[in-house]
Amino acid sequence: MVTTTSLGYDALPGLLTRLTGDEKHDRSSLSTLDALWVLYDRVLGPHDRFLLSKGHGPAAYYAVLAAKGVIPVELLDRFGAFDSPLGYHPDRNLVPGVEISSGSLGHGLGIAVGAALTGRRVFCLLGDAELEEGSNWEAVQYAGRVALAPLTAIVVDNRSSTHGWPGGVERRFEFEGWAAVRVNGRDHDALAAALAPDPAGTRPRCVVTEVAR
């Protein structure tokens, strides 16, 4: 039997235990769990787009998609199998609901900038270490210069970057003309408030979600 019923947040630990074989990315994946859940449970509208740039270790992403009925729960048991659509990097051609194939870090934000130029609201989730890829900063600079208000970057800060971000990574975004805020990455109410629509907004937004490694 294929299960597509929407499940609650409390079902996620059980779903995650069904995803095995990529344990080296557990911490990276779990750091995204609450931001992903809040997006899919409380933020994303029918016309919004979500792009996962932090595509290495997508276990939490698959668990949230399964909980929301986007993919069958039973697929989680075949994570990483030879003939499974659920690979160690998400594939837009194989997984329903996945907007971009990702895993090679540094590409998602540039794609998100292009998508946001259409006027649709776009959310892109990145990691703090991923921002060490220079292509991200070209996207950040351009979005700030053109005041790309439909774009929201969600940066998961689990202190993985090589040299850290003095003053906080949000300062870099603010310097480039973005509105930026740092929130507790496990606080669902704080995440929902930071990610809520801002009809009066005139700048791209960066929401830094701070989580322990």
C-alpha atoms as a PDB file:
ATOM      1  CA  MET A   1       0.000   0.000   0.000  1.00  0.00           C
ATOM      2  CA  VAL A   2       1.285   3.492  -0.867  1.00  0.00           C
ATOM      3  CA  THR A   3       0.955   6.041   1.934  1.00  0.00           C
ATOM      4  CA  THR A   4       0.328   9.643   0.878  1.00  0.00           C
ATOM      5  CA  THR A   5      -1.522  10.905   3.956  1.00  0.00           C
ATOM      6  CA  SER A   6      -0.192  14.132   5.429  1.00  0.00           C
ATOM      7  CA  LEU A   7       1.588  13.508   8.731  1.00  0.00           C
ATOM      8  CA  GLY A   8       2.581  15.827  11.575  1.00  0.00           C
ATOM      9  CA  TYR A   9       5.957  17.040  12.808  1.00  0.00           C
ATOM     10  CA  ASP A  10       6.054  14.316  15.440  1.00  0.00           C
ATOM     11  CA  ALA A  11       6.185  11.717  12.654  1.00  0.00           C
ATOM     12  CA  LEU A  12       9.504  13.030  11.311  1.00  0.00           C
ATOM     13  CA  PRO A  13      11.863  11.114  13.658  1.00  0.00           C
ATOM     14  CA  GLY A  14      10.278   7.841  12.586  1.00  0.00           C
ATOM     15  CA  LEU A  15      10.480   8.783   8.924  1.00  0.00           C
ATOM     16  CA  LEU A  16      14.136   9.758   9.263  1.00  0.00           C
ATOM     17  CA  THR A  17      15.041   6.363  10.719  1.00  0.00           C
ATOM     18  CA  ARG A  18      13.889   4.805   7.431  1.00  0.00           C
ATOM     19  CA  LEU A  19      16.546   6.744   5.484  1.00  0.00           C
ATOM     20  CA  THR A  20      19.855   4.908   5.838  1.00  0.00           C
ATOM     21  CA  GLY A  21      23.140   4.751   3.947  1.00  0.00           C
ATOM     22  CA  ASP A  22      24.225   8.405   4.043  1.00  0.00           C
ATOM     23  CA  GLU A  23      24.876   8.808   7.741  1.00  0.00           C
ATOM     24  CA  LYS A  24      27.978  10.946   7.147  1.00  0.00           C
ATOM     25  CA  HIS A  25      25.605  13.764   6.165  1.00  0.00           C
ATOM     26  CA  ASP A  26      23.214  13.314   9.102  1.00  0.00           C
ATOM     27  CA  ARG A  27      24.241  16.518  10.867  1.00  0.00           C
ATOM     28  CA  SER A  28      24.124  18.540   7.684  1.00  0.00           C
ATOM     29  CA  SER A  29      20.702  17.182   6.851  1.00  0.00           C
ATOM     30  CA  LEU A  30      19.175  17.470  10.320  1.00  0.00           C
ATOM     31  CA  SER A  31      20.256  21.109  10.587  1.00  0.00           C
ATOM     32  CA  THR A  32      17.733  21.875   7.827  1.00  0.00           C
ATOM     33  CA  LEU A  33      14.822  19.897   9.270  1.00  0.00           C
ATOM     34  CA  ASP A  34      12.910  22.599  11.144  1.00  0.00           C
ATOM     35  CA  ALA A  35      13.307  25.259   8.470  1.00  0.00           C
ATOM     36  CA  LEU A  36      12.029  22.796   5.865  1.00  0.00           C
ATOM     37  CA  TRP A  37       9.100  21.791   8.039  1.00  0.00           C
ATOM     38  CA  VAL A  38       8.012  25.351   8.750  1.00  0.00           C
ATOM     39  CA  LEU A  39       8.253  26.225   5.064  1.00  0.00           C
ATOM     40  CA  TYR A  40       6.062  23.338   3.956  1.00  0.00           C
ATOM     41  CA  ASP A  41       3.708  23.461   6.918  1.00  0.00           C
ATOM     42  CA  ARG A  42       3.191  27.182   7.444  1.00  0.00           C
ATOM     43  CA  VAL A  43       4.746  29.353   4.745  1.00  0.00           C
ATOM     44  CA  LEU A  44       4.729  28.121   1.150  1.00  0.00           C
ATOM     45  CA  GLY A  45       1.718  29.139  -0.915  1.00  0.00           C
ATOM     46  CA  PRO A  46       0.484  27.446  -4.101  1.00  0.00           C
ATOM     47  CA  HIS A  47       2.419  29.815  -6.361  1.00  0.00           C
ATOM     48  CA  ASP A  48       5.629  29.992  -4.324  1.00  0.00           C
ATOM     49  CA  ARG A  49       8.780  28.160  -5.334  1.00  0.00           C
ATOM     50  CA  PHE A  50      11.298  26.441  -3.066  1.00  0.00           C
ATOM     51  CA  LEU A  51      14.831  25.597  -4.214  1.00  0.00           C
ATOM     52  CA  LEU A  52      17.107  23.426  -2.090  1.00  0.00           C
ATOM     53  CA  SER A  53      20.664  24.527  -2.853  1.00  0.00           C
ATOM     54  CA  LYS A  54      22.017  22.605   0.166  1.00  0.00           C
ATOM     55  CA  GLY A  55      21.307  19.357  -1.652  1.00  0.00           C
ATOM     56  CA  HIS A  56      23.970  17.077  -0.190  1.00  0.00           C
ATOM     57  CA  GLY A  57      22.458  14.843   2.447  1.00  0.00           C
ATOM     58  CA  PRO A  58      18.766  15.409   1.572  1.00  0.00           C
ATOM     59  CA  ALA A  59      17.300  12.988   4.140  1.00  0.00           C
ATOM     60  CA  ALA A  60      15.407  15.699   6.029  1.00  0.00           C
ATOM     61  CA  TYR A  61      13.999  17.054   2.759  1.00  0.00           C
ATOM     62  CA  TYR A  62      12.715  13.634   1.728  1.00  0.00           C
ATOM     63  CA  ALA A  63      11.211  13.071   5.183  1.00  0.00           C
ATOM     64  CA  VAL A  64       9.303  16.368   5.011  1.00  0.00           C
ATOM     65  CA  LEU A  65       8.092  15.643   1.467  1.00  0.00           C
ATOM     66  CA  ALA A  66       6.864  12.240   2.641  1.00  0.00           C
ATOM     67  CA  ALA A  67       5.161  13.699   5.717  1.00  0.00           C
ATOM     68  CA  LYS A  68       3.333  16.179   3.491  1.00  0.00           C
ATOM     69  CA  GLY A  69       2.195  13.476   1.077  1.00  0.00           C
ATOM     70  CA  VAL A  70       4.296  14.735  -1.832  1.00  0.00           C
ATOM     71  CA  ILE A  71       6.106  11.390  -2.118  1.00  0.00           C
ATOM     72  CA  PRO A  72       5.042   7.979  -0.784  1.00  0.00           C
ATOM     73  CA  VAL A  73       6.386   7.146   2.661  1.00  0.00           C
ATOM     74  CA  GLU A  74       7.436   3.705   1.398  1.00  0.00           C
ATOM     75  CA  LEU A  75      10.022   5.291  -0.916  1.00  0.00           C
ATOM     76  CA  LEU A  76      12.093   6.284   2.116  1.00  0.00           C
ATOM     77  CA  ASP A  77      13.040   2.651   2.691  1.00  0.00           C
ATOM     78  CA  ARG A  78      14.800   2.575  -0.695  1.00  0.00           C
ATOM     79  CA  PHE A  79      16.863   5.741  -0.173  1.00  0.00           C
ATOM     80  CA  GLY A  80      20.032   5.481  -2.249  1.00  0.00           C
ATOM     81  CA  ALA A  81      19.135   2.108  -3.791  1.00  0.00           C
ATOM     82  CA  PHE A  82      20.205   1.468  -7.375  1.00  0.00           C
ATOM     83  CA  ASP A  83      16.725   1.878  -8.849  1.00  0.00           C
ATOM     84  CA  SER A  84      15.372   4.377  -6.312  1.00  0.00           C
ATOM     85  CA  PRO A  85      14.325   7.913  -7.281  1.00  0.00           C
ATOM     86  CA  LEU A  86      15.617   9.101  -3.900  1.00  0.00           C
ATOM     87  CA  GLY A  87      19.315   9.599  -4.474  1.00  0.00           C
ATOM     88  CA  TYR A  88      21.970  11.095  -2.212  1.00  0.00           C
ATOM     89  CA  HIS A  89      21.437  14.307  -4.177  1.00  0.00           C
ATOM     90  CA  PRO A  90      17.821  15.192  -5.102  1.00  0.00           C
ATOM     91  CA  ASP A  91      16.970  14.885  -8.805  1.00  0.00           C
ATOM     92  CA  ARG A  92      14.240  17.151 -10.201  1.00  0.00           C
ATOM     93  CA  ASN A  93      13.470  14.588 -12.902  1.00  0.00           C
ATOM     94  CA  LEU A  94      12.837  11.794 -10.420  1.00  0.00           C
ATOM     95  CA  VAL A  95      11.386  13.284  -7.231  1.00  0.00           C
ATOM     96  CA  PRO A  96       7.992  15.032  -7.272  1.00  0.00           C
ATOM     97  CA  GLY A  97       8.107  18.502  -5.768  1.00  0.00           C
ATOM     98  CA  VAL A  98      11.862  18.963  -6.290  1.00  0.00           C
ATOM     99  CA  GLU A  99      12.450  22.129  -8.311  1.00  0.00           C
ATOM    100  CA  ILE A 100      16.182  21.772  -9.032  1.00  0.00           C
ATOM    101  CA  SER A 101      18.726  18.976  -8.987  1.00  0.00           C
ATOM    102  CA  SER A 102      21.293  19.959  -6.390  1.00  0.00           C
ATOM    103  CA  GLY A 103      24.224  18.769  -4.347  1.00  0.00           C
ATOM    104  CA  SER A 104      27.047  20.572  -6.142  1.00  0.00           C
ATOM    105  CA  LEU A 105      27.152  23.538  -3.817  1.00  0.00           C
ATOM    106  CA  GLY A 106      26.983  27.136  -4.967  1.00  0.00           C
ATOM    107  CA  HIS A 107      24.425  26.892  -7.754  1.00  0.00           C
ATOM    108  CA  GLY A 108      21.007  27.190  -6.122  1.00  0.00           C
ATOM    109  CA  LEU A 109      21.002  30.871  -5.239  1.00  0.00           C
ATOM    110  CA  GLY A 110      21.860  31.964  -8.773  1.00  0.00           C
ATOM    111  CA  ILE A 111      18.961  29.877 -10.084  1.00  0.00           C
ATOM    112  CA  ALA A 112      16.702  31.355  -7.404  1.00  0.00           C
ATOM    113  CA  VAL A 113      17.616  34.883  -8.515  1.00  0.00           C
ATOM    114  CA  GLY A 114      16.571  34.047 -12.058  1.00  0.00           C
ATOM    115  CA  ALA A 115      13.316  32.491 -10.847  1.00  0.00           C
ATOM    116  CA  ALA A 116      12.500  35.499  -8.661  1.00  0.00           C
ATOM    117  CA  LEU A 117      12.875  37.863 -11.629  1.00  0.00           C
ATOM    118  CA  THR A 118       9.502  36.529 -12.820  1.00  0.00           C
ATOM    119  CA  GLY A 119       7.883  38.137  -9.774  1.00  0.00           C
ATOM    120  CA  ARG A 120       6.990  34.862  -8.049  1.00  0.00           C
ATOM    121  CA  ARG A 121       8.009  34.445  -4.432  1.00  0.00           C
ATOM    122  CA  VAL A 122      11.090  32.203  -4.246  1.00  0.00           C
ATOM    123  CA  PHE A 123      12.752  30.629  -1.211  1.00  0.00           C
ATOM    124  CA  CYS A 124      16.259  29.156  -1.459  1.00  0.00           C
ATOM    125  CA  LEU A 125      17.871  27.173   1.360  1.00  0.00           C
ATOM    126  CA  LEU A 126      21.669  27.227   1.658  1.00  0.00           C
ATOM    127  CA  GLY A 127      24.322  26.274   4.180  1.00  0.00           C
ATOM    128  CA  ASP A 128      26.799  28.647   5.805  1.00  0.00           C
ATOM    129  CA  ALA A 129      29.789  26.744   4.407  1.00  0.00           C
ATOM    130  CA  GLU A 130      28.202  26.686   0.960  1.00  0.00           C
ATOM    131  CA  LEU A 131      28.469  30.470   0.916  1.00  0.00           C
ATOM    132  CA  GLU A 132      32.217  30.070   0.542  1.00  0.00           C
ATOM    133  CA  GLU A 133      31.487  29.303  -3.123  1.00  0.00           C
ATOM    134  CA  GLY A 134      32.054  32.585  -4.959  1.00  0.00           C
ATOM    135  CA  SER A 135      29.103  32.186  -7.326  1.00  0.00           C
ATOM    136  CA  ASN A 136      26.770  32.785  -4.398  1.00  0.00           C
ATOM    137  CA  TRP A 137      28.130  36.285  -3.872  1.00  0.00           C
ATOM    138  CA  GLU A 138      27.562  37.231  -7.480  1.00  0.00           C
ATOM    139  CA  ALA A 139      23.920  36.287  -6.936  1.00  0.00           C
ATOM    140  CA  VAL A 140      23.770  38.131  -3.597  1.00  0.00           C
ATOM    141  CA  GLN A 141      25.249  41.292  -5.108  1.00  0.00           C
ATOM    142  CA  TYR A 142      22.937  41.297  -8.107  1.00  0.00           C
ATOM    143  CA  ALA A 143      19.793  40.630  -6.062  1.00  0.00           C
ATOM    144  CA  GLY A 144      20.663  43.467  -3.703  1.00  0.00           C
ATOM    145  CA  ARG A 145      21.391  45.915  -6.498  1.00  0.00           C
ATOM    146  CA  VAL A 146      18.078  45.293  -8.288  1.00  0.00           C
ATOM    147  CA  ALA A 147      16.078  45.114  -5.008  1.00  0.00           C
ATOM    148  CA  LEU A 148      14.768  41.639  -5.793  1.00  0.00           C
ATOM    149  CA  ALA A 149      12.034  41.615  -3.151  1.00  0.00           C
ATOM    150  CA  PRO A 150      10.418  38.257  -4.134  1.00  0.00           C
ATOM    151  CA  LEU A 151      13.591  36.402  -3.112  1.00  0.00           C
ATOM    152  CA  THR A 152      14.245  34.955   0.338  1.00  0.00           C
ATOM    153  CA  ALA A 153      17.500  33.149   1.123  1.00  0.00           C
ATOM    154  CA  ILE A 154      17.436  30.831   4.135  1.00  0.00           C
ATOM    155  CA  VAL A 155      20.958  30.234   5.418  1.00  0.00           C
ATOM    156  CA  VAL A 156      21.398  27.381   7.879  1.00  0.00           C
ATOM    157  CA  ASP A 157      24.257  28.418  10.145  1.00  0.00           C
ATOM    158  CA  ASN A 158      25.639  25.354  11.895  1.00  0.00           C
ATOM    159  CA  ARG A 159      29.148  26.854  12.035  1.00  0.00           C
ATOM    160  CA  SER A 160      30.491  24.660   9.246  1.00  0.00           C
ATOM    161  CA  SER A 161      32.256  27.385   7.271  1.00  0.00           C
ATOM    162  CA  THR A 162      36.046  27.226   7.270  1.00  0.00           C
ATOM    163  CA  HIS A 163      36.736  30.671   8.703  1.00  0.00           C
ATOM    164  CA  GLY A 164      33.329  31.635  10.063  1.00  0.00           C
ATOM    165  CA  TRP A 165      31.525  34.874   9.309  1.00  0.00           C
ATOM    166  CA  PRO A 166      32.732  37.722  11.571  1.00  0.00           C
ATOM    167  CA  GLY A 167      29.723  39.642  12.829  1.00  0.00           C
ATOM    168  CA  GLY A 168      27.434  36.956  11.443  1.00  0.00           C
ATOM    169  CA  VAL A 169      26.727  35.994   7.856  1.00  0.00           C
ATOM    170  CA  GLU A 170      23.669  38.254   7.916  1.00  0.00           C
ATOM    171  CA  ARG A 171      25.997  41.278   8.014  1.00  0.00           C
ATOM    172  CA  ARG A 172      27.370  40.324   4.593  1.00  0.00           C
ATOM    173  CA  PHE A 173      23.868  40.211   3.145  1.00  0.00           C
ATOM    174  CA  GLU A 174      22.946  43.527   4.743  1.00  0.00           C
ATOM    175  CA  PHE A 175      26.068  45.117   3.245  1.00  0.00           C
ATOM    176  CA  GLU A 176      24.844  44.036  -0.190  1.00  0.00           C
ATOM    177  CA  GLY A 177      21.425  45.644   0.293  1.00  0.00           C
ATOM    178  CA  TRP A 178      19.402  42.755   1.716  1.00  0.00           C
ATOM    179  CA  ALA A 179      17.097  42.801   4.723  1.00  0.00           C
ATOM    180  CA  ALA A 180      18.470  40.165   7.099  1.00  0.00           C
ATOM    181  CA  VAL A 181      17.553  38.584  10.412  1.00  0.00           C
ATOM    182  CA  ARG A 182      18.962  35.768  12.579  1.00  0.00           C
ATOM    183  CA  VAL A 183      16.588  33.371  14.346  1.00  0.00           C
ATOM    184  CA  ASN A 184      16.763  30.187  16.406  1.00  0.00           C
ATOM    185  CA  GLY A 185      16.656  27.450  13.781  1.00  0.00           C
ATOM    186  CA  ARG A 186      14.601  25.160  16.039  1.00  0.00           C
ATOM    187  CA  ASP A 187      11.963  27.762  17.001  1.00  0.00           C
ATOM    188  CA  HIS A 188       9.035  27.204  14.654  1.00  0.00           C
ATOM    189  CA  ASP A 189       7.195  30.392  15.581  1.00  0.00           C
ATOM    190  CA  ALA A 190      10.309  32.505  15.057  1.00  0.00           C
ATOM    191  CA  LEU A 191      10.974  30.817  11.719  1.00  0.00           C
ATOM    192  CA  ALA A 192       7.388  31.306  10.552  1.00  0.00           C
ATOM    193  CA  ALA A 193       7.426  34.974  11.544  1.00  0.00           C
ATOM    194  CA  ALA A 194      10.720  35.608   9.746  1.00  0.00           C
ATOM    195  CA  LEU A 195       9.561  33.810   6.591  1.00  0.00           C
ATOM    196  CA  ALA A 196       6.039  35.252   6.451  1.00  0.00           C
ATOM    197  CA  PRO A 197       5.076  37.300   3.372  1.00  0.00           C
ATOM    198  CA  ASP A 198       6.068  40.948   3.519  1.00  0.00           C
ATOM    199  CA  PRO A 199       3.899  42.778   0.965  1.00  0.00           C
ATOM    200  CA  ALA A 200       5.613  46.062   1.800  1.00  0.00           C
ATOM    201  CA  GLY A 201       9.103  44.636   1.375  1.00  0.00           C
ATOM    202  CA  THR A 202      11.358  46.328  -1.163  1.00  0.00           C
ATOM    203  CA  ARG A 203      14.552  44.260  -0.723  1.00  0.00           C
ATOM    204  CA  PRO A 204      15.519  40.587  -0.935  1.00  0.00           C
ATOM    205  CA  ARG A 205      15.521  38.892   2.454  1.00  0.00           C
ATOM    206  CA  CYS A 206      18.004  36.659   4.230  1.00  0.00           C
ATOM    207  CA  VAL A 207      16.845  34.547   7.183  1.00  0.00           C
ATOM    208  CA  VAL A 208      19.782  32.993   9.038  1.00  0.00           C
ATOM    209  CA  THR A 209      18.680  29.979  11.070  1.00  0.00           C
ATOM    210  CA  GLU A 210      21.163  29.217  13.836  1.00  0.00           C
ATOM    211  CA  VAL A 211      21.458  25.560  14.884  1.00  0.00           C
ATOM    212  CA  ALA A 212      23.997  23.569  16.868  1.00  0.00           C
ATOM    213  CA  ARG A 213      26.161  21.138  14.934  1.00  0.00           C
END
